[in-house]
Every structure is written in C-alpha cells, then in structure tokens.
C-alpha cells in the first residue's frame, strides 16, 4: 500500500503569528534606530529641502513664472510657491537661511525665488546637528541646487 505524503506548508495561523512578530520588531526597532543615528533626520531634511528647491525651479521654468520657496525658521517649516503643502524641518537641527536682503520677509522668514529662465535669487540653507552640517546651496546664475556636507 502507498500512503499519501503529508501536506507541506504553513497554516494561516502560523503565517499570522510570524507577521505579527515582524510588525512588533519593526515597531520597537524604529525609535531605537533613530536614536542611534540622530543626525539622520537632519540629512534627510537637507535632501528633502533640496528636492523642494529643485521642484520650485522646475515649476518656474515650466510655468513661465516666478516661484519662491518660503522658509519660516521660527516655525521650522517651508512651502513652495505659496502652496498649502507645508513641510516641517526637524526640531533637532539648527537652521540658518542666507538669501538676498530683498527676499527677507522678516528676521526669521525669507524666500529663495526662481525665475522662468531657471536662474534664482540664490542663497542657501544650513542645517546643523552636533558636529555635522548640511548646506543646501542655490546658485543665483543657473539656479542649480546642491547639498554639501
């Protein structure tokens, strides 16, 4: 007589238990990882800020209009083109804005503006945490955005 081989595989309950354990490990590990790499948020914020500036430049070129990124250092946030989409900057970072005097709204708020030809008012934003500093620089002639560390 030939006996049937037992079915191989996992039950649904076993799979759910494993998925629950993975979710628990991820939930516990996330804060630990961010504490191990405290400057990671600052670096990510610098890259996000550079992406926002590049977006403002592309909007100025494609829309054939001036587009500015408004940086509010007091409230630690910025927006592109007066949009309602406001981006937060990390609490941990010390932030400095360098822009043209004519682009200063007040002591803690300023604009980096892009023109339809791709040029800009120029300037930069510095995000520092501990001994690490990331500078997001905008060339006034070309509008090129770079992140320096």
C-alpha atoms as a PDB file:
ATOM      1  CA  UNK A   1       0.000   0.000   0.000  1.00  0.00           C
ATOM      2  CA  UNK A   2       1.145   3.504  -0.814  1.00  0.00           C
ATOM      3  CA  UNK A   3       0.452   6.075   1.849  1.00  0.00           C
ATOM      4  CA  UNK A   4      -0.214   9.663   0.907  1.00  0.00           C
ATOM      5  CA  UNK A   5       2.561  12.109   1.746  1.00  0.00           C
ATOM      6  CA  UNK A   6       1.592  14.657   4.402  1.00  0.00           C
ATOM      7  CA  UNK A   7       0.712  18.098   3.072  1.00  0.00           C
ATOM      8  CA  UNK A   8       3.571  20.565   3.346  1.00  0.00           C
ATOM      9  CA  UNK A   9       3.240  24.235   4.054  1.00  0.00           C
ATOM     10  CA  UNK A  10       2.175  26.610   6.778  1.00  0.00           C
ATOM     11  CA  UNK A  11      -1.209  27.180   8.277  1.00  0.00           C
ATOM     12  CA  UNK A  12      -2.832  30.568   8.174  1.00  0.00           C
ATOM     13  CA  UNK A  13      -2.439  30.911  11.926  1.00  0.00           C
ATOM     14  CA  UNK A  14       1.322  30.295  11.706  1.00  0.00           C
ATOM     15  CA  UNK A  15       1.682  32.946   8.988  1.00  0.00           C
ATOM     16  CA  UNK A  16      -0.322  35.480  11.003  1.00  0.00           C
ATOM     17  CA  UNK A  17       1.814  34.873  14.093  1.00  0.00           C
ATOM     18  CA  UNK A  18       5.008  35.433  12.101  1.00  0.00           C
ATOM     19  CA  UNK A  19       3.636  38.642  10.538  1.00  0.00           C
ATOM     20  CA  UNK A  20       2.582  39.923  13.969  1.00  0.00           C
ATOM     21  CA  UNK A  21       6.074  39.247  15.332  1.00  0.00           C
ATOM     22  CA  UNK A  22       7.695  41.099  12.403  1.00  0.00           C
ATOM     23  CA  UNK A  23       5.379  44.089  12.930  1.00  0.00           C
ATOM     24  CA  UNK A  24       6.257  44.114  16.638  1.00  0.00           C
ATOM     25  CA  UNK A  25      10.006  44.054  15.934  1.00  0.00           C
ATOM     26  CA  UNK A  26       9.690  46.911  13.429  1.00  0.00           C
ATOM     27  CA  UNK A  27       7.631  48.993  15.861  1.00  0.00           C
ATOM     28  CA  UNK A  28      10.195  48.514  18.624  1.00  0.00           C
ATOM     29  CA  UNK A  29      13.269  48.932  16.397  1.00  0.00           C
ATOM     30  CA  UNK A  30      12.268  52.202  14.665  1.00  0.00           C
ATOM     31  CA  UNK A  31      12.794  54.524  17.661  1.00  0.00           C
ATOM     32  CA  UNK A  32      15.979  52.699  18.608  1.00  0.00           C
ATOM     33  CA  UNK A  33      17.443  53.153  15.128  1.00  0.00           C
ATOM     34  CA  UNK A  34      16.576  56.855  15.030  1.00  0.00           C
ATOM     35  CA  UNK A  35      18.291  57.307  18.420  1.00  0.00           C
ATOM     36  CA  UNK A  36      21.412  55.525  17.174  1.00  0.00           C
ATOM     37  CA  UNK A  37      21.650  57.826  14.144  1.00  0.00           C
ATOM     38  CA  UNK A  38      20.421  61.176  15.494  1.00  0.00           C
ATOM     39  CA  UNK A  39      21.758  63.200  12.548  1.00  0.00           C
ATOM     40  CA  UNK A  40      19.891  61.043  10.042  1.00  0.00           C
ATOM     41  CA  UNK A  41      16.791  63.244  10.267  1.00  0.00           C
ATOM     42  CA  UNK A  42      18.886  66.318   9.567  1.00  0.00           C
ATOM     43  CA  UNK A  43      20.478  64.748   6.487  1.00  0.00           C
ATOM     44  CA  UNK A  44      17.083  63.587   5.222  1.00  0.00           C
ATOM     45  CA  UNK A  45      15.659  67.079   5.806  1.00  0.00           C
ATOM     46  CA  UNK A  46      18.517  68.644   3.804  1.00  0.00           C
ATOM     47  CA  UNK A  47      17.832  66.305   0.903  1.00  0.00           C
ATOM     48  CA  UNK A  48      14.091  66.963   1.096  1.00  0.00           C
ATOM     49  CA  UNK A  49      14.735  70.707   1.167  1.00  0.00           C
ATOM     50  CA  UNK A  50      16.954  70.400  -1.925  1.00  0.00           C
ATOM     51  CA  UNK A  51      14.217  68.427  -3.676  1.00  0.00           C
ATOM     52  CA  UNK A  52      11.728  71.184  -2.813  1.00  0.00           C
ATOM     53  CA  UNK A  53      14.047  73.840  -4.253  1.00  0.00           C
ATOM     54  CA  UNK A  54      14.511  71.799  -7.429  1.00  0.00           C
ATOM     55  CA  UNK A  55      10.740  71.450  -7.661  1.00  0.00           C
ATOM     56  CA  UNK A  56      10.333  75.238  -7.315  1.00  0.00           C
ATOM     57  CA  UNK A  57      12.867  75.767 -10.112  1.00  0.00           C
ATOM     58  CA  UNK A  58      11.109  73.308 -12.419  1.00  0.00           C
ATOM     59  CA  UNK A  59       7.742  74.953 -11.657  1.00  0.00           C
ATOM     60  CA  UNK A  60       9.201  78.352 -12.561  1.00  0.00           C
ATOM     61  CA  UNK A  61      10.584  77.069 -15.858  1.00  0.00           C
ATOM     62  CA  UNK A  62       7.559  75.024 -16.935  1.00  0.00           C
ATOM     63  CA  UNK A  63       5.022  77.614 -15.753  1.00  0.00           C
ATOM     64  CA  UNK A  64       6.988  80.548 -17.170  1.00  0.00           C
ATOM     65  CA  UNK A  65       6.551  82.428 -13.888  1.00  0.00           C
ATOM     66  CA  UNK A  66       8.425  83.267 -10.711  1.00  0.00           C
ATOM     67  CA  UNK A  67       8.189  80.621  -7.987  1.00  0.00           C
ATOM     68  CA  UNK A  68       9.576  81.011  -4.497  1.00  0.00           C
ATOM     69  CA  UNK A  69      10.247  78.707  -1.607  1.00  0.00           C
ATOM     70  CA  UNK A  70       9.295  80.423   1.644  1.00  0.00           C
ATOM     71  CA  UNK A  71      11.299  79.328   4.675  1.00  0.00           C
ATOM     72  CA  UNK A  72       9.933  80.088   8.126  1.00  0.00           C
ATOM     73  CA  UNK A  73      12.787  79.449  10.552  1.00  0.00           C
ATOM     74  CA  UNK A  74      10.799  80.348  13.652  1.00  0.00           C
ATOM     75  CA  UNK A  75       8.161  77.683  12.997  1.00  0.00           C
ATOM     76  CA  UNK A  76      10.689  75.331  11.332  1.00  0.00           C
ATOM     77  CA  UNK A  77       8.831  74.822   8.055  1.00  0.00           C
ATOM     78  CA  UNK A  78       8.803  75.734   4.393  1.00  0.00           C
ATOM     79  CA  UNK A  79       6.456  75.768   1.419  1.00  0.00           C
ATOM     80  CA  UNK A  80       6.924  76.016  -2.329  1.00  0.00           C
ATOM     81  CA  UNK A  81       5.092  78.569  -4.452  1.00  0.00           C
ATOM     82  CA  UNK A  82       2.653  79.601  -1.751  1.00  0.00           C
ATOM     83  CA  UNK A  83       1.093  76.148  -1.839  1.00  0.00           C
ATOM     84  CA  UNK A  84      -0.771  74.777   1.138  1.00  0.00           C
ATOM     85  CA  UNK A  85       1.691  71.857   1.219  1.00  0.00           C
ATOM     86  CA  UNK A  86       3.853  72.793   4.203  1.00  0.00           C
ATOM     87  CA  UNK A  87       6.954  70.767   5.022  1.00  0.00           C
ATOM     88  CA  UNK A  88       8.334  70.540   8.529  1.00  0.00           C
ATOM     89  CA  UNK A  89      12.016  70.862   9.390  1.00  0.00           C
ATOM     90  CA  UNK A  90      13.476  68.748  12.217  1.00  0.00           C
ATOM     91  CA  UNK A  91      13.440  70.092  15.770  1.00  0.00           C
ATOM     92  CA  UNK A  92      16.944  68.781  16.363  1.00  0.00           C
ATOM     93  CA  UNK A  93      18.633  70.907  13.700  1.00  0.00           C
ATOM     94  CA  UNK A  94      19.975  74.420  13.949  1.00  0.00           C
ATOM     95  CA  UNK A  95      18.780  76.168  10.773  1.00  0.00           C
ATOM     96  CA  UNK A  96      20.274  79.212   9.072  1.00  0.00           C
ATOM     97  CA  UNK A  97      18.968  80.930   5.926  1.00  0.00           C
ATOM     98  CA  UNK A  98      21.106  83.018   3.588  1.00  0.00           C
ATOM     99  CA  UNK A  99      19.215  84.908   0.906  1.00  0.00           C
ATOM    100  CA  UNK A 100      19.095  88.297  -0.774  1.00  0.00           C
ATOM    101  CA  UNK A 101      18.106  91.158   1.508  1.00  0.00           C
ATOM    102  CA  UNK A 102      15.175  91.951  -0.796  1.00  0.00           C
ATOM    103  CA  UNK A 103      13.877  88.402  -0.241  1.00  0.00           C
ATOM    104  CA  UNK A 104      13.717  88.692   3.542  1.00  0.00           C
ATOM    105  CA  UNK A 105      10.171  88.929   4.842  1.00  0.00           C
ATOM    106  CA  UNK A 106      11.387  89.434   8.405  1.00  0.00           C
ATOM    107  CA  UNK A 107      14.311  88.346  10.575  1.00  0.00           C
ATOM    108  CA  UNK A 108      13.249  84.676  10.668  1.00  0.00           C
ATOM    109  CA  UNK A 109      11.477  84.289   7.307  1.00  0.00           C
ATOM    110  CA  UNK A 110      12.792  84.549   3.778  1.00  0.00           C
ATOM    111  CA  UNK A 111      12.330  83.400   0.197  1.00  0.00           C
ATOM    112  CA  UNK A 112      14.582  81.785  -2.351  1.00  0.00           C
ATOM    113  CA  UNK A 113      12.984  82.711  -5.665  1.00  0.00           C
ATOM    114  CA  UNK A 114      13.372  81.084  -9.087  1.00  0.00           C
ATOM    115  CA  UNK A 115      12.727  82.827 -12.407  1.00  0.00           C
ATOM    116  CA  UNK A 116      11.329  81.455 -15.694  1.00  0.00           C
ATOM    117  CA  UNK A 117      14.822  81.224 -17.230  1.00  0.00           C
ATOM    118  CA  UNK A 118      15.944  78.900 -14.399  1.00  0.00           C
ATOM    119  CA  UNK A 119      18.048  81.487 -12.561  1.00  0.00           C
ATOM    120  CA  UNK A 120      17.322  82.441  -8.975  1.00  0.00           C
ATOM    121  CA  UNK A 121      17.933  84.967  -6.252  1.00  0.00           C
ATOM    122  CA  UNK A 122      20.455  82.478  -4.906  1.00  0.00           C
ATOM    123  CA  UNK A 123      21.257  81.682  -1.348  1.00  0.00           C
ATOM    124  CA  UNK A 124      21.281  78.657   0.861  1.00  0.00           C
ATOM    125  CA  UNK A 125      20.046  76.910   3.940  1.00  0.00           C
ATOM    126  CA  UNK A 126      22.283  75.370   6.557  1.00  0.00           C
ATOM    127  CA  UNK A 127      21.055  72.536   8.778  1.00  0.00           C
ATOM    128  CA  UNK A 128      23.419  71.616  11.620  1.00  0.00           C
ATOM    129  CA  UNK A 129      23.210  68.947  14.271  1.00  0.00           C
ATOM    130  CA  UNK A 130      26.110  68.358  16.598  1.00  0.00           C
ATOM    131  CA  UNK A 131      29.330  68.467  14.612  1.00  0.00           C
ATOM    132  CA  UNK A 132      27.612  67.642  11.302  1.00  0.00           C
ATOM    133  CA  UNK A 133      26.357  70.370   8.971  1.00  0.00           C
ATOM    134  CA  UNK A 134      24.486  70.076   5.677  1.00  0.00           C
ATOM    135  CA  UNK A 135      24.297  73.104   3.405  1.00  0.00           C
ATOM    136  CA  UNK A 136      21.731  73.340   0.626  1.00  0.00           C
ATOM    137  CA  UNK A 137      23.120  75.888  -1.818  1.00  0.00           C
ATOM    138  CA  UNK A 138      21.371  77.588  -4.752  1.00  0.00           C
ATOM    139  CA  UNK A 139      23.466  79.210  -7.482  1.00  0.00           C
ATOM    140  CA  UNK A 140      21.948  82.556  -8.461  1.00  0.00           C
ATOM    141  CA  UNK A 141      23.004  82.401 -12.126  1.00  0.00           C
ATOM    142  CA  UNK A 142      21.988  78.841 -13.029  1.00  0.00           C
ATOM    143  CA  UNK A 143      19.556  78.021 -10.242  1.00  0.00           C
ATOM    144  CA  UNK A 144      21.464  74.800  -9.610  1.00  0.00           C
ATOM    145  CA  UNK A 145      20.741  73.231  -6.216  1.00  0.00           C
ATOM    146  CA  UNK A 146      23.442  71.294  -4.364  1.00  0.00           C
ATOM    147  CA  UNK A 147      23.702  69.618  -0.957  1.00  0.00           C
ATOM    148  CA  UNK A 148      27.111  69.972   0.681  1.00  0.00           C
ATOM    149  CA  UNK A 149      28.180  68.214   3.845  1.00  0.00           C
END
